[in-house]
């Protein structure tokens, strides 16, 4: 996975609308000790979740990463 704020190539972003695909993507994040980030559409609202448990104990998200994720989500919503 590429570090933020570099955009991730579309081929590396899994479509996890299927539960099995979601679970597989989460397992891969855990195996690679990476934060799992999911964007969900819930009706007319979007929810972004970052699961640091997948990265392992003691992992935190610094403010610059939060800001980059937030900016990417805002661009996604506007497009």
PDB file of N, CA and C in Angstrom:
ATOM      1  N   UNK A   1       0.843  -1.175   0.000  1.00  0.00           N
ATOM      2  CA  UNK A   1       0.000   0.000   0.000  1.00  0.00           C
ATOM      3  C   UNK A   1       0.885   1.233   0.000  1.00  0.00           C
ATOM      4  N   UNK A   2       0.493   2.269  -0.716  1.00  0.00           N
ATOM      5  CA  UNK A   2       1.265   3.486  -0.810  1.00  0.00           C
ATOM      6  C   UNK A   2       0.932   4.415   0.352  1.00  0.00           C
ATOM      7  N   UNK A   3       1.929   5.151   0.850  1.00  0.00           N
ATOM      8  CA  UNK A   3       1.660   6.081   1.953  1.00  0.00           C
ATOM      9  C   UNK A   3       0.832   7.270   1.487  1.00  0.00           C
ATOM     10  N   UNK A   4       0.002   7.803   2.381  1.00  0.00           N
ATOM     11  CA  UNK A   4      -0.772   9.008   2.083  1.00  0.00           C
ATOM     12  C   UNK A   4       0.177  10.191   2.052  1.00  0.00           C
ATOM     13  N   UNK A   5      -0.069  11.265   1.355  1.00  0.00           N
ATOM     14  CA  UNK A   5      -1.255  11.584   0.582  1.00  0.00           C
ATOM     15  C   UNK A   5      -1.188  11.131  -0.872  1.00  0.00           C
ATOM     16  N   UNK A   6      -0.252  10.266  -1.242  1.00  0.00           N
ATOM     17  CA  UNK A   6      -0.206   9.739  -2.597  1.00  0.00           C
ATOM     18  C   UNK A   6      -1.489   8.966  -2.866  1.00  0.00           C
ATOM     19  N   UNK A   7      -2.130   9.252  -3.981  1.00  0.00           N
ATOM     20  CA  UNK A   7      -3.386   8.550  -4.270  1.00  0.00           C
ATOM     21  C   UNK A   7      -3.098   7.085  -4.578  1.00  0.00           C
ATOM     22  N   UNK A   8      -4.024   6.247  -4.230  1.00  0.00           N
ATOM     23  CA  UNK A   8      -3.891   4.812  -4.450  1.00  0.00           C
ATOM     24  C   UNK A   8      -4.452   4.470  -5.826  1.00  0.00           C
ATOM     25  N   UNK A   9      -3.685   3.750  -6.651  1.00  0.00           N
ATOM     26  CA  UNK A   9      -4.204   3.370  -7.973  1.00  0.00           C
ATOM     27  C   UNK A   9      -5.503   2.581  -7.847  1.00  0.00           C
ATOM     28  N   UNK A  10      -6.486   2.843  -8.716  1.00  0.00           N
ATOM     29  CA  UNK A  10      -7.790   2.182  -8.615  1.00  0.00           C
ATOM     30  C   UNK A  10      -7.700   0.655  -8.544  1.00  0.00           C
ATOM     31  N   UNK A  11      -6.729   0.064  -9.197  1.00  0.00           N
ATOM     32  CA  UNK A  11      -6.601  -1.391  -9.164  1.00  0.00           C
ATOM     33  C   UNK A  11      -6.251  -1.948  -7.796  1.00  0.00           C
ATOM     34  N   UNK A  12      -5.768  -1.087  -6.893  1.00  0.00           N
ATOM     35  CA  UNK A  12      -5.420  -1.533  -5.539  1.00  0.00           C
ATOM     36  C   UNK A  12      -6.526  -1.279  -4.528  1.00  0.00           C
ATOM     37  N   UNK A  13      -7.595  -0.625  -4.959  1.00  0.00           N
ATOM     38  CA  UNK A  13      -8.711  -0.339  -4.061  1.00  0.00           C
ATOM     39  C   UNK A  13      -9.793  -1.385  -4.289  1.00  0.00           C
ATOM     40  N   UNK A  14      -9.981  -2.282  -3.322  1.00  0.00           N
ATOM     41  CA  UNK A  14     -10.976  -3.339  -3.534  1.00  0.00           C
ATOM     42  C   UNK A  14     -12.405  -2.826  -3.404  1.00  0.00           C
ATOM     43  N   UNK A  15     -13.294  -3.349  -4.223  1.00  0.00           N
ATOM     44  CA  UNK A  15     -14.724  -3.087  -4.086  1.00  0.00           C
ATOM     45  C   UNK A  15     -15.233  -4.105  -3.082  1.00  0.00           C
ATOM     46  N   UNK A  16     -15.577  -3.632  -1.909  1.00  0.00           N
ATOM     47  CA  UNK A  16     -15.969  -4.555  -0.847  1.00  0.00           C
ATOM     48  C   UNK A  16     -17.464  -4.487  -0.554  1.00  0.00           C
ATOM     49  N   UNK A  17     -18.255  -4.261  -1.593  1.00  0.00           N
ATOM     50  CA  UNK A  17     -19.701  -4.267  -1.389  1.00  0.00           C
ATOM     51  C   UNK A  17     -20.184  -5.666  -1.022  1.00  0.00           C
ATOM     52  N   UNK A  18     -19.406  -6.672  -1.346  1.00  0.00           N
ATOM     53  CA  UNK A  18     -19.694  -8.059  -0.981  1.00  0.00           C
ATOM     54  C   UNK A  18     -19.016  -8.343   0.360  1.00  0.00           C
ATOM     55  N   UNK A  19     -19.707  -8.980   1.288  1.00  0.00           N
ATOM     56  CA  UNK A  19     -19.180  -9.257   2.626  1.00  0.00           C
ATOM     57  C   UNK A  19     -17.887 -10.065   2.555  1.00  0.00           C
ATOM     58  N   UNK A  20     -17.819 -11.055   1.681  1.00  0.00           N
ATOM     59  CA  UNK A  20     -16.609 -11.867   1.571  1.00  0.00           C
ATOM     60  C   UNK A  20     -15.426 -11.024   1.109  1.00  0.00           C
ATOM     61  N   UNK A  21     -15.659 -10.107   0.175  1.00  0.00           N
ATOM     62  CA  UNK A  21     -14.592  -9.224  -0.305  1.00  0.00           C
ATOM     63  C   UNK A  21     -14.137  -8.293   0.808  1.00  0.00           C
ATOM     64  N   UNK A  22     -15.079  -7.796   1.600  1.00  0.00           N
ATOM     65  CA  UNK A  22     -14.748  -6.934   2.737  1.00  0.00           C
ATOM     66  C   UNK A  22     -13.867  -7.686   3.723  1.00  0.00           C
ATOM     67  N   UNK A  23     -14.275  -8.896   4.075  1.00  0.00           N
ATOM     68  CA  UNK A  23     -13.511  -9.697   5.030  1.00  0.00           C
ATOM     69  C   UNK A  23     -12.111 -10.020   4.500  1.00  0.00           C
ATOM     70  N   UNK A  24     -12.006 -10.307   3.213  1.00  0.00           N
ATOM     71  CA  UNK A  24     -10.709 -10.610   2.610  1.00  0.00           C
ATOM     72  C   UNK A  24      -9.803  -9.376   2.651  1.00  0.00           C
ATOM     73  N   UNK A  25     -10.352  -8.197   2.360  1.00  0.00           N
ATOM     74  CA  UNK A  25      -9.558  -6.963   2.399  1.00  0.00           C
ATOM     75  C   UNK A  25      -9.091  -6.670   3.820  1.00  0.00           C
ATOM     76  N   UNK A  26      -9.948  -6.912   4.798  1.00  0.00           N
ATOM     77  CA  UNK A  26      -9.567  -6.692   6.197  1.00  0.00           C
ATOM     78  C   UNK A  26      -8.469  -7.667   6.618  1.00  0.00           C
ATOM     79  N   UNK A  27      -8.603  -8.914   6.210  1.00  0.00           N
ATOM     80  CA  UNK A  27      -7.555  -9.911   6.523  1.00  0.00           C
ATOM     81  C   UNK A  27      -6.210  -9.500   5.926  1.00  0.00           C
ATOM     82  N   UNK A  28      -6.229  -9.009   4.680  1.00  0.00           N
ATOM     83  CA  UNK A  28      -4.981  -8.562   4.035  1.00  0.00           C
ATOM     84  C   UNK A  28      -4.349  -7.408   4.814  1.00  0.00           C
ATOM     85  N   UNK A  29      -5.172  -6.471   5.274  1.00  0.00           N
ATOM     86  CA  UNK A  29      -4.650  -5.345   6.063  1.00  0.00           C
ATOM     87  C   UNK A  29      -3.990  -5.857   7.340  1.00  0.00           C
ATOM     88  N   UNK A  30      -4.628  -6.814   8.000  1.00  0.00           N
ATOM     89  CA  UNK A  30      -4.053  -7.382   9.225  1.00  0.00           C
ATOM     90  C   UNK A  30      -2.743  -8.102   8.939  1.00  0.00           C
ATOM     91  N   UNK A  31      -2.708  -8.886   7.860  1.00  0.00           N
ATOM     92  CA  UNK A  31      -1.494  -9.621   7.504  1.00  0.00           C
ATOM     93  C   UNK A  31      -0.336  -8.678   7.189  1.00  0.00           C
ATOM     94  N   UNK A  32      -0.647  -7.504   6.632  1.00  0.00           N
ATOM     95  CA  UNK A  32       0.380  -6.537   6.251  1.00  0.00           C
ATOM     96  C   UNK A  32       0.616  -5.482   7.339  1.00  0.00           C
ATOM     97  N   UNK A  33      -0.078  -5.633   8.483  1.00  0.00           N
ATOM     98  CA  UNK A  33       0.045  -4.705   9.616  1.00  0.00           C
ATOM     99  C   UNK A  33      -0.205  -3.264   9.176  1.00  0.00           C
ATOM    100  N   UNK A  34      -1.323  -3.060   8.476  1.00  0.00           N
ATOM    101  CA  UNK A  34      -1.692  -1.740   7.978  1.00  0.00           C
ATOM    102  C   UNK A  34      -3.048  -1.323   8.531  1.00  0.00           C
ATOM    103  N   UNK A  35      -3.245  -0.032   8.650  1.00  0.00           N
ATOM    104  CA  UNK A  35      -4.539   0.503   9.069  1.00  0.00           C
ATOM    105  C   UNK A  35      -5.551   0.197   7.969  1.00  0.00           C
ATOM    106  N   UNK A  36      -6.708  -0.295   8.362  1.00  0.00           N
ATOM    107  CA  UNK A  36      -7.772  -0.604   7.404  1.00  0.00           C
ATOM    108  C   UNK A  36      -8.714   0.587   7.345  1.00  0.00           C
ATOM    109  N   UNK A  37      -8.876   1.152   6.164  1.00  0.00           N
ATOM    110  CA  UNK A  37      -9.762   2.295   5.968  1.00  0.00           C
ATOM    111  C   UNK A  37     -10.896   1.876   5.048  1.00  0.00           C
ATOM    112  N   UNK A  38     -12.120   2.150   5.474  1.00  0.00           N
ATOM    113  CA  UNK A  38     -13.293   1.807   4.670  1.00  0.00           C
ATOM    114  C   UNK A  38     -14.163   3.046   4.506  1.00  0.00           C
ATOM    115  N   UNK A  39     -14.716   3.211   3.321  1.00  0.00           N
ATOM    116  CA  UNK A  39     -15.657   4.293   3.034  1.00  0.00           C
ATOM    117  C   UNK A  39     -16.978   3.629   2.686  1.00  0.00           C
ATOM    118  N   UNK A  40     -18.019   4.008   3.417  1.00  0.00           N
ATOM    119  CA  UNK A  40     -19.334   3.402   3.200  1.00  0.00           C
ATOM    120  C   UNK A  40     -20.350   4.471   2.837  1.00  0.00           C
ATOM    121  N   UNK A  41     -21.224   4.128   1.927  1.00  0.00           N
ATOM    122  CA  UNK A  41     -22.359   4.985   1.620  1.00  0.00           C
ATOM    123  C   UNK A  41     -23.553   4.430   2.392  1.00  0.00           C
ATOM    124  N   UNK A  42     -24.151   5.276   3.212  1.00  0.00           N
ATOM    125  CA  UNK A  42     -25.306   4.870   3.998  1.00  0.00           C
ATOM    126  C   UNK A  42     -26.438   5.842   3.687  1.00  0.00           C
ATOM    127  N   UNK A  43     -27.247   5.467   2.705  1.00  0.00           N
ATOM    128  CA  UNK A  43     -28.305   6.365   2.254  1.00  0.00           C
ATOM    129  C   UNK A  43     -27.684   7.567   1.570  1.00  0.00           C
ATOM    130  N   UNK A  44     -27.948   8.760   2.083  1.00  0.00           N
ATOM    131  CA  UNK A  44     -27.368   9.975   1.510  1.00  0.00           C
ATOM    132  C   UNK A  44     -26.128  10.430   2.277  1.00  0.00           C
ATOM    133  N   UNK A  45     -25.639   9.612   3.162  1.00  0.00           N
ATOM    134  CA  UNK A  45     -24.473   9.959   3.972  1.00  0.00           C
ATOM    135  C   UNK A  45     -23.324   9.013   3.684  1.00  0.00           C
ATOM    136  N   UNK A  46     -22.117   9.511   3.919  1.00  0.00           N
ATOM    137  CA  UNK A  46     -20.909   8.709   3.779  1.00  0.00           C
ATOM    138  C   UNK A  46     -20.266   8.572   5.150  1.00  0.00           C
ATOM    139  N   UNK A  47     -19.718   7.418   5.418  1.00  0.00           N
ATOM    140  CA  UNK A  47     -19.001   7.162   6.657  1.00  0.00           C
ATOM    141  C   UNK A  47     -17.616   6.643   6.309  1.00  0.00           C
ATOM    142  N   UNK A  48     -16.613   7.192   6.975  1.00  0.00           N
ATOM    143  CA  UNK A  48     -15.239   6.724   6.795  1.00  0.00           C
ATOM    144  C   UNK A  48     -14.786   6.143   8.124  1.00  0.00           C
ATOM    145  N   UNK A  49     -14.255   4.934   8.063  1.00  0.00           N
ATOM    146  CA  UNK A  49     -13.784   4.262   9.272  1.00  0.00           C
ATOM    147  C   UNK A  49     -12.327   3.874   9.080  1.00  0.00           C
ATOM    148  N   UNK A  50     -11.521   4.159  10.084  1.00  0.00           N
ATOM    149  CA  UNK A  50     -10.122   3.743  10.076  1.00  0.00           C
ATOM    150  C   UNK A  50      -9.920   2.820  11.269  1.00  0.00           C
ATOM    151  N   UNK A  51      -9.566   1.587  11.008  1.00  0.00           N
ATOM    152  CA  UNK A  51      -9.397   0.583  12.053  1.00  0.00           C
ATOM    153  C   UNK A  51      -7.903   0.363  12.284  1.00  0.00           C
ATOM    154  N   UNK A  52      -7.388   0.932  13.380  1.00  0.00           N
ATOM    155  CA  UNK A  52      -5.961   0.781  13.684  1.00  0.00           C
ATOM    156  C   UNK A  52      -5.639  -0.578  14.284  1.00  0.00           C
ATOM    157  N   UNK A  53      -6.650  -1.323  14.724  1.00  0.00           N
ATOM    158  CA  UNK A  53      -6.391  -2.653  15.289  1.00  0.00           C
ATOM    159  C   UNK A  53      -5.749  -3.580  14.262  1.00  0.00           C
ATOM    160  N   UNK A  54      -6.064  -3.376  12.996  1.00  0.00           N
ATOM    161  CA  UNK A  54      -5.474  -4.213  11.945  1.00  0.00           C
ATOM    162  C   UNK A  54      -3.965  -4.007  11.848  1.00  0.00           C
ATOM    163  N   UNK A  55      -3.482  -2.817  12.229  1.00  0.00           N
ATOM    164  CA  UNK A  55      -2.057  -2.501  12.134  1.00  0.00           C
ATOM    165  C   UNK A  55      -1.248  -3.092  13.289  1.00  0.00           C
ATOM    166  N   UNK A  56      -1.915  -3.469  14.346  1.00  0.00           N
ATOM    167  CA  UNK A  56      -1.213  -4.054  15.484  1.00  0.00           C
ATOM    168  C   UNK A  56      -1.233  -3.135  16.687  1.00  0.00           C
ATOM    169  N   UNK A  57      -0.778  -3.665  17.818  1.00  0.00           N
ATOM    170  CA  UNK A  57      -0.841  -2.894  19.059  1.00  0.00           C
ATOM    171  C   UNK A  57       0.032  -1.630  19.006  1.00  0.00           C
ATOM    172  N   UNK A  58      -0.491  -0.570  19.589  1.00  0.00           N
ATOM    173  CA  UNK A  58       0.261   0.663  19.718  1.00  0.00           C
ATOM    174  C   UNK A  58       0.284   1.549  18.493  1.00  0.00           C
ATOM    175  N   UNK A  59      -0.413   1.167  17.440  1.00  0.00           N
ATOM    176  CA  UNK A  59      -0.398   1.985  16.222  1.00  0.00           C
ATOM    177  C   UNK A  59      -1.395   3.122  16.364  1.00  0.00           C
ATOM    178  N   UNK A  60      -0.968   4.322  16.015  1.00  0.00           N
ATOM    179  CA  UNK A  60      -1.863   5.476  16.050  1.00  0.00           C
ATOM    180  C   UNK A  60      -1.838   6.173  14.694  1.00  0.00           C
ATOM    181  N   UNK A  61      -2.813   7.028  14.465  1.00  0.00           N
ATOM    182  CA  UNK A  61      -2.885   7.804  13.228  1.00  0.00           C
ATOM    183  C   UNK A  61      -2.526   9.244  13.570  1.00  0.00           C
ATOM    184  N   UNK A  62      -1.506   9.772  12.927  1.00  0.00           N
ATOM    185  CA  UNK A  62      -1.089  11.147  13.175  1.00  0.00           C
ATOM    186  C   UNK A  62      -2.042  12.108  12.474  1.00  0.00           C
ATOM    187  N   UNK A  63      -2.046  13.345  12.917  1.00  0.00           N
ATOM    188  CA  UNK A  63      -2.970  14.340  12.377  1.00  0.00           C
ATOM    189  C   UNK A  63      -2.825  14.522  10.874  1.00  0.00           C
ATOM    190  N   UNK A  64      -1.603  14.459  10.349  1.00  0.00           N
ATOM    191  CA  UNK A  64      -1.417  14.668   8.907  1.00  0.00           C
ATOM    192  C   UNK A  64      -2.087  13.558   8.098  1.00  0.00           C
ATOM    193  N   UNK A  65      -2.095  12.343   8.626  1.00  0.00           N
ATOM    194  CA  UNK A  65      -2.778  11.246   7.946  1.00  0.00           C
ATOM    195  C   UNK A  65      -4.282  11.451   7.993  1.00  0.00           C
ATOM    196  N   UNK A  66      -4.788  11.837   9.146  1.00  0.00           N
ATOM    197  CA  UNK A  66      -6.213  12.129   9.281  1.00  0.00           C
ATOM    198  C   UNK A  66      -6.619  13.216   8.279  1.00  0.00           C
ATOM    199  N   UNK A  67      -5.813  14.274   8.204  1.00  0.00           N
ATOM    200  CA  UNK A  67      -6.118  15.373   7.288  1.00  0.00           C
ATOM    201  C   UNK A  67      -6.131  14.913   5.831  1.00  0.00           C
ATOM    202  N   UNK A  68      -5.189  14.049   5.457  1.00  0.00           N
ATOM    203  CA  UNK A  68      -5.121  13.545   4.080  1.00  0.00           C
ATOM    204  C   UNK A  68      -6.336  12.678   3.756  1.00  0.00           C
ATOM    205  N   UNK A  69      -6.743  11.817   4.691  1.00  0.00           N
ATOM    206  CA  UNK A  69      -7.919  10.971   4.477  1.00  0.00           C
ATOM    207  C   UNK A  69      -9.171  11.846   4.356  1.00  0.00           C
ATOM    208  N   UNK A  70      -9.287  12.825   5.237  1.00  0.00           N
ATOM    209  CA  UNK A  70     -10.450  13.720   5.208  1.00  0.00           C
ATOM    210  C   UNK A  70     -10.522  14.469   3.871  1.00  0.00           C
ATOM    211  N   UNK A  71      -9.396  14.986   3.410  1.00  0.00           N
ATOM    212  CA  UNK A  71      -9.370  15.717   2.136  1.00  0.00           C
ATOM    213  C   UNK A  71      -9.757  14.797   0.976  1.00  0.00           C
ATOM    214  N   UNK A  72      -9.280  13.559   0.995  1.00  0.00           N
ATOM    215  CA  UNK A  72      -9.619  12.604  -0.068  1.00  0.00           C
ATOM    216  C   UNK A  72     -11.103  12.286  -0.062  1.00  0.00           C
ATOM    217  N   UNK A  73     -11.682  12.127   1.113  1.00  0.00           N
ATOM    218  CA  UNK A  73     -13.109  11.823   1.214  1.00  0.00           C
ATOM    219  C   UNK A  73     -13.935  13.011   0.729  1.00  0.00           C
ATOM    220  N   UNK A  74     -13.537  14.213   1.067  1.00  0.00           N
ATOM    221  CA  UNK A  74     -14.272  15.398   0.601  1.00  0.00           C
ATOM    222  C   UNK A  74     -14.242  15.464  -0.919  1.00  0.00           C
ATOM    223  N   UNK A  75     -13.076  15.180  -1.534  1.00  0.00           N
ATOM    224  CA  UNK A  75     -12.999  15.161  -3.005  1.00  0.00           C
ATOM    225  C   UNK A  75     -13.899  14.081  -3.571  1.00  0.00           C
ATOM    226  N   UNK A  76     -13.939  12.911  -2.932  1.00  0.00           N
ATOM    227  CA  UNK A  76     -14.788  11.814  -3.386  1.00  0.00           C
ATOM    228  C   UNK A  76     -16.254  12.221  -3.360  1.00  0.00           C
ATOM    229  N   UNK A  77     -16.677  12.816  -2.279  1.00  0.00           N
ATOM    230  CA  UNK A  77     -18.078  13.219  -2.134  1.00  0.00           C
ATOM    231  C   UNK A  77     -18.452  14.276  -3.169  1.00  0.00           C
ATOM    232  N   UNK A  78     -17.571  15.231  -3.391  1.00  0.00           N
ATOM    233  CA  UNK A  78     -17.859  16.297  -4.353  1.00  0.00           C
ATOM    234  C   UNK A  78     -17.898  15.804  -5.778  1.00  0.00           C
ATOM    235  N   UNK A  79     -17.192  14.720  -6.057  1.00  0.00           N
ATOM    236  CA  UNK A  79     -17.188  14.203  -7.438  1.00  0.00           C
ATOM    237  C   UNK A  79     -18.377  13.288  -7.661  1.00  0.00           C
TER     238      UNK A  79
END
